[in-house]
Protein backbone atom coordinates (compact mmCIF):
# COMPACT_ATOMS: atom_id res chain seq x y z
CA MET A 1 -27.85 -8.38 -23.50
CA LYS A 2 -27.22 -12.13 -23.81
CA TYR A 3 -23.97 -11.47 -25.66
CA PHE A 4 -22.93 -8.96 -23.00
CA LEU A 5 -23.56 -11.45 -20.20
CA ILE A 6 -21.57 -14.15 -21.96
CA THR A 7 -18.72 -11.73 -22.59
CA THR A 8 -18.80 -10.60 -18.98
CA PHE A 9 -18.67 -14.21 -17.77
CA ILE A 10 -15.68 -14.98 -19.98
CA PHE A 11 -13.92 -11.77 -18.94
CA CYS A 12 -14.44 -12.44 -15.24
CA SER A 13 -13.33 -16.05 -15.65
CA LEU A 14 -10.09 -14.87 -17.22
CA PHE A 15 -9.48 -12.53 -14.34
CA SER A 16 -10.25 -14.97 -11.56
CA TYR A 17 -7.56 -17.57 -12.25
CA ALA A 18 -4.77 -15.37 -10.90
CA ASP A 19 -6.27 -14.75 -7.46
CA ILE A 20 -3.67 -15.41 -4.76
CA ILE A 21 -5.46 -16.36 -1.55
CA LYS A 22 -3.31 -17.97 1.15
CA ASP A 23 -4.90 -17.50 4.55
CA LYS A 24 -2.57 -18.20 7.46
CA GLU A 25 -4.59 -17.48 10.59
CA PRO A 26 -7.63 -15.62 11.96
CA GLY A 27 -7.44 -11.87 12.29
CA ILE A 28 -7.73 -10.43 15.79
CA LEU A 29 -7.43 -6.69 15.22
CA GLU A 30 -7.85 -4.25 12.33
CA ILE A 31 -6.66 -0.65 12.16
CA GLN A 32 -7.56 1.96 9.57
CA TYR A 33 -4.87 4.51 8.68
CA THR A 34 -4.54 7.46 6.37
CA LYS A 35 -1.30 7.36 4.41
CA THR A 36 -0.03 10.67 3.03
CA CYS A 37 2.78 10.90 0.47
CA VAL A 38 4.56 13.87 -1.03
CA ASP A 39 4.64 13.34 -4.80
CA ASP A 40 6.58 16.50 -5.67
CA THR A 41 8.97 18.01 -3.14
CA LEU A 42 9.33 21.25 -5.12
CA LYS A 43 5.64 22.10 -5.19
CA TRP A 44 4.89 19.98 -2.11
CA LYS A 45 2.07 18.17 -3.86
CA CYS A 46 0.62 15.36 -1.76
CA HIS A 47 -1.93 12.60 -2.00
CA SER A 48 -3.64 10.62 0.75
CA ASP A 49 -5.23 7.18 0.68
CA PRO A 50 -6.86 4.91 3.26
CA MET A 51 -4.82 1.88 4.36
CA THR A 52 -5.73 -1.14 6.47
CA LEU A 53 -3.56 -3.11 8.90
CA ARG A 54 -5.00 -6.53 9.74
CA ILE A 55 -3.23 -8.35 12.57
CA GLY A 56 -3.19 -12.02 13.55
CA ALA A 57 -1.32 -13.87 16.28
CA THR A 58 1.89 -14.30 14.22
CA ALA A 59 1.30 -12.39 10.98
CA ALA A 60 -0.01 -9.10 9.60
CA MET A 61 -1.14 -7.66 6.29
CA PHE A 62 -1.04 -3.99 5.32
CA TYR A 63 -2.87 -2.98 2.19
CA PRO A 64 -4.51 -0.04 0.37
CA THR A 65 -8.15 -0.24 1.42
CA LYS A 66 -9.70 1.11 -1.76
CA ARG A 67 -7.41 -0.90 -4.04
CA MET A 68 -8.30 -4.17 -2.27
CA TRP A 69 -11.99 -3.32 -2.60
CA ALA A 70 -11.73 -2.34 -6.28
CA ASP A 71 -9.69 -5.41 -7.23
CA SER A 72 -12.12 -7.71 -5.41
CA LEU A 73 -15.12 -6.03 -7.03
CA LEU A 74 -13.55 -6.39 -10.47
CA GLN A 75 -13.32 -10.14 -9.92
CA THR A 76 -16.71 -10.71 -8.30
CA ASN A 77 -19.01 -8.15 -9.95
CA PHE A 78 -17.57 -6.78 -13.18
CA GLU A 79 -20.78 -4.93 -14.15
CA LEU A 80 -20.88 -3.03 -10.86
CA HIS A 81 -17.17 -2.27 -11.09
CA GLU A 82 -17.64 -0.79 -14.57
CA LYS A 83 -20.70 1.18 -13.45
CA ILE A 84 -18.80 2.78 -10.56
CA TYR A 85 -15.76 3.38 -12.74
CA ARG A 86 -17.79 5.10 -15.47
CA GLU A 87 -19.56 7.28 -12.94
CA ALA A 88 -16.15 8.52 -11.82
CA ASN A 89 -14.71 8.62 -15.37
CA PRO A 90 -17.39 9.39 -17.99
CA ILE A 91 -16.73 8.25 -21.53
CA GLY A 92 -15.12 11.02 -23.59
CA LYS A 93 -13.33 12.58 -20.63
CA PRO A 94 -9.80 11.85 -19.33
CA ALA A 95 -9.71 8.77 -17.07
CA ILE A 96 -8.07 10.45 -14.10
CA ASN A 97 -10.11 9.15 -11.15
CA PRO A 98 -8.98 5.63 -10.19
CA ILE A 99 -11.70 4.12 -8.02
CA GLY A 100 -9.04 2.07 -6.25
CA GLY A 101 -7.09 5.13 -5.13
CA LEU A 102 -3.44 5.86 -5.87
CA GLU A 103 -1.73 3.46 -3.47
CA ARG A 104 -0.55 0.19 -5.01
CA GLU A 105 1.67 -1.58 -2.48
CA PHE A 106 0.60 -4.56 -0.33
CA VAL A 107 2.78 -5.89 2.51
CA PHE A 108 2.20 -9.40 3.92
CA ARG A 109 4.47 -9.95 6.93
CA ASN A 110 5.51 -13.38 8.20
CA VAL A 111 3.13 -15.16 5.86
CA ASP A 112 5.78 -17.86 5.94
CA ASP A 113 7.69 -17.85 9.20
CA GLY A 114 10.18 -14.98 9.14
CA GLU A 115 9.31 -13.86 5.60
CA THR A 116 7.58 -10.82 4.17
CA MET A 117 5.98 -10.68 0.72
CA VAL A 118 5.54 -7.31 -1.00
CA TYR A 119 3.30 -6.85 -4.02
CA ARG A 120 2.75 -3.79 -6.18
CA SER A 121 1.43 -2.85 -9.58
CA ILE A 122 4.20 -1.01 -11.47
CA ALA A 123 3.40 0.72 -14.76
CA GLY A 124 0.38 -1.53 -15.28
CA ASP A 125 2.11 -4.86 -14.53
CA ASP A 126 2.11 -6.90 -11.32
CA TYR A 127 5.35 -7.49 -9.39
CA SER A 128 6.26 -9.10 -6.08
CA TYR A 129 9.27 -10.08 -4.01
CA VAL A 130 9.93 -11.98 -0.80
CA GLU A 131 12.43 -10.88 1.82
CA THR A 132 13.50 -11.95 5.29
CA THR A 133 11.40 -9.97 7.75
CA GLU A 134 13.54 -7.21 9.28
CA MET A 135 12.45 -5.40 12.41
CA PRO A 136 13.58 -1.78 12.80
CA HIS A 137 15.89 -1.02 15.75
CA TRP A 138 13.91 1.41 17.87
CA GLU A 139 14.98 3.94 20.49
CA ILE A 140 12.13 4.78 22.86
CA ARG A 141 11.87 8.40 24.01
CA GLN A 142 10.05 10.02 26.93
CA GLU A 143 7.65 12.18 24.89
CA SER A 144 4.00 11.18 24.99
CA LYS A 145 0.66 12.21 23.53
CA GLU A 146 -2.86 10.89 23.04
CA ILE A 147 -4.13 9.36 19.79
CA LEU A 148 -7.67 8.00 19.40
CA GLY A 149 -8.02 8.11 23.18
CA TYR A 150 -4.91 6.00 23.80
CA GLN A 151 -1.77 7.23 25.54
CA CYS A 152 1.15 6.91 23.15
CA GLN A 153 4.91 7.12 23.51
CA LEU A 154 7.49 8.25 20.96
CA ALA A 155 10.09 5.96 19.41
CA VAL A 156 12.63 6.69 16.65
CA CYS A 157 14.71 4.58 14.28
CA ASP A 158 16.84 4.62 11.14
CA PHE A 159 15.28 2.17 8.71
CA ARG A 160 15.99 1.51 5.06
CA GLY A 161 17.53 4.91 4.40
CA ARG A 162 15.10 7.13 6.31
CA LYS A 163 14.78 8.38 9.87
CA TRP A 164 11.38 7.51 11.32
CA GLU A 165 9.48 8.54 14.39
CA ALA A 166 6.51 6.53 15.59
CA TRP A 167 3.89 6.90 18.29
CA PHE A 168 2.92 3.59 19.90
CA SER A 169 0.46 2.73 22.62
CA PRO A 170 1.39 0.19 25.34
CA GLU A 171 -2.35 0.13 26.08
CA ILE A 172 -2.72 -2.00 22.92
CA PRO A 173 -0.11 -4.72 23.55
CA VAL A 174 0.61 -5.89 20.00
CA HIS A 175 3.96 -5.35 18.31
CA GLU A 176 2.59 -4.27 14.94
CA GLY A 177 2.31 -1.05 12.95
CA PRO A 178 1.77 0.33 9.45
CA TRP A 179 3.90 -0.72 6.47
CA LYS A 180 7.16 -2.34 7.69
CA LEU A 181 7.22 -0.40 10.95
CA PHE A 182 6.72 -2.81 13.85
CA GLY A 183 8.46 -4.32 16.88
CA LEU A 184 7.53 -1.86 19.64
CA PRO A 185 5.82 -2.82 22.94
CA GLY A 186 2.50 -1.52 21.68
CA LEU A 187 0.59 -0.79 18.49
CA ILE A 188 1.97 2.05 16.34
CA LEU A 189 -0.86 4.56 15.78
CA ALA A 190 1.11 7.26 13.93
CA ALA A 191 4.44 7.47 12.11
CA ASN A 192 6.31 9.75 9.77
CA ASP A 193 9.79 10.07 8.30
CA SER A 194 11.98 13.02 9.26
CA LYS A 195 11.30 14.84 5.97
CA ASN A 196 7.52 14.27 6.22
CA HIS A 197 7.51 12.70 2.77
CA TYR A 198 5.56 9.75 4.19
CA SER A 199 3.20 9.61 7.13
CA TYR A 200 0.63 7.27 8.64
CA GLN A 201 -2.19 8.27 10.99
CA ALA A 202 -4.58 5.81 12.61
CA ILE A 203 -8.23 6.84 12.27
CA GLY A 204 -10.04 3.77 13.57
CA ILE A 205 -9.59 0.43 15.37
CA SER A 206 -11.84 -2.64 15.31
CA SER A 207 -11.72 -6.05 16.99
CA LYS A 208 -14.98 -7.41 15.53
CA ASN A 209 -15.71 -9.19 12.23
CA ILE A 210 -12.04 -9.36 11.28
CA GLY A 211 -11.16 -11.35 8.18
CA PRO A 212 -8.28 -13.84 7.97
CA VAL A 213 -4.62 -12.82 7.80
CA GLY A 214 -2.33 -14.11 5.05
CA ILE A 215 -1.91 -13.24 1.38
CA ARG A 216 -4.99 -11.92 -0.38
CA LEU A 217 -4.64 -10.53 -3.91
CA TYR A 218 -7.28 -10.13 -6.63
CA ILE A 219 -5.18 -9.40 -9.68
CA ASN A 220 -5.22 -9.87 -13.44
CA ASP A 221 -2.07 -11.95 -13.90
CA THR A 222 0.35 -13.93 -11.79
CA PRO A 223 2.90 -11.34 -10.55
CA TYR A 224 6.39 -11.19 -11.98
CA ASN A 225 8.66 -12.38 -9.18
CA ILE A 226 11.59 -10.03 -8.66
CA LYS A 227 14.54 -11.68 -6.94
CA SER A 228 15.44 -8.86 -4.57
CA ARG A 229 14.01 -5.83 -2.84
CA GLU A 230 16.69 -3.67 -4.48
CA LYS A 231 15.64 -4.71 -8.00
CA PHE A 232 12.01 -4.07 -7.09
CA LEU A 233 12.83 -0.54 -5.92
CA GLN A 234 14.96 0.08 -9.00
CA LYS A 235 11.94 -0.84 -11.15
CA ILE A 236 9.78 1.69 -9.30
CA TYR A 237 12.51 4.33 -9.59
CA LYS A 238 12.78 3.87 -13.33
CA GLU A 239 9.06 3.92 -14.06
CA TYR A 240 7.82 6.53 -11.59
CA ILE A 241 10.56 8.57 -9.98
CA LYS A 242 12.45 9.09 -13.23
CA GLY A 243 9.06 9.87 -14.73
CA LYS A 244 8.97 7.53 -17.71
CA PHE A 245 5.57 6.01 -16.96
CA SER A 246 3.94 8.99 -15.25
CA ALA A 247 4.97 11.34 -18.06
CA SER A 248 3.59 9.00 -20.73
CA MET A 249 0.27 8.68 -18.88
CA SER A 250 0.07 12.45 -18.50
CA SER A 251 0.58 12.82 -22.23
CA LEU A 252 -1.95 10.09 -23.03
CA TYR A 253 -4.75 11.49 -20.89
CA GLY A 254 -3.87 15.15 -21.23
CA ASN A 255 -4.42 15.62 -17.50
CA GLY A 256 -1.44 17.80 -16.75
CA SER A 257 1.31 19.93 -18.19
CA GLN A 258 4.10 17.63 -17.03
CA SER A 259 6.15 16.40 -19.99
CA LYS A 260 9.33 15.40 -18.17
CA PRO A 261 10.20 14.00 -14.73
CA LEU A 262 9.86 16.39 -11.81
CA GLU A 263 13.32 17.31 -10.54
CA GLY A 264 12.06 17.44 -6.99
CA GLN A 265 9.97 14.30 -7.10
CA TYR A 266 10.03 12.11 -4.03
CA ASP A 267 12.00 8.90 -3.58
CA SER A 268 10.60 5.60 -2.33
CA GLN A 269 10.03 4.99 1.34
CA GLU A 270 13.18 2.86 1.21
CA THR A 271 16.13 4.78 -0.22
CA ASP A 272 18.93 2.27 0.56
CA TYR A 273 19.19 0.81 -2.93
CA PRO A 274 21.51 1.59 -5.87
CA HIS A 275 20.06 4.46 -7.91
CA GLU A 276 21.11 7.78 -9.34
């Protein structure tokens, strides 16, 4: 037991040095969303994960809720993390139940004035890039509906290679929304692209006990900095969409019959980058 505790302390110490915590301002509002993605457009296989949007006066952070929790737990309580992980993935069986969910991308908007940082784990390594914050150009329509008890109005835009529609509520006068969708005269409570490959649906809103807004990552190593958004998306395309990494993991764990990339597999949310 003594040896285990010493080993655990050393292990946790090694993990903690790479934490990136850069708080910018207090949070004033937090929204919980469900994000749904189509992973295979031929078989229309989907996955859904909880996401959190935390909003401050001049900045916002959008992150996978379960991944943030799992990464934080790994750093602060390794024994509990391993206990929960082993309950979901017993020894001797394929490790196919990530306790942090399937979503991997974090978006930190205007953490430095006018800049957005994006972080994601790609094929087991950590990567990030910084871009100038770009607001979609919205066209507001007359259609309306109610979401979570709030009256919402429809807006549409072409953004980064996809056509998006979003439902925003002027009753919540903040210009934020999920992912990189923002800039409307009210909070975006639901959004989807025209092909329904990606969608976001608000399931809860809170204005109490909100944590700070900024950059908050609990990761193993300092991320590799990729110089452009296009290179970042090309990396994802190579490892996931072309199937190199996903096929190798499938073979390793024996958790599926897939041995080559799916011909109908989805593209990234942003499709305006050079790829085949």
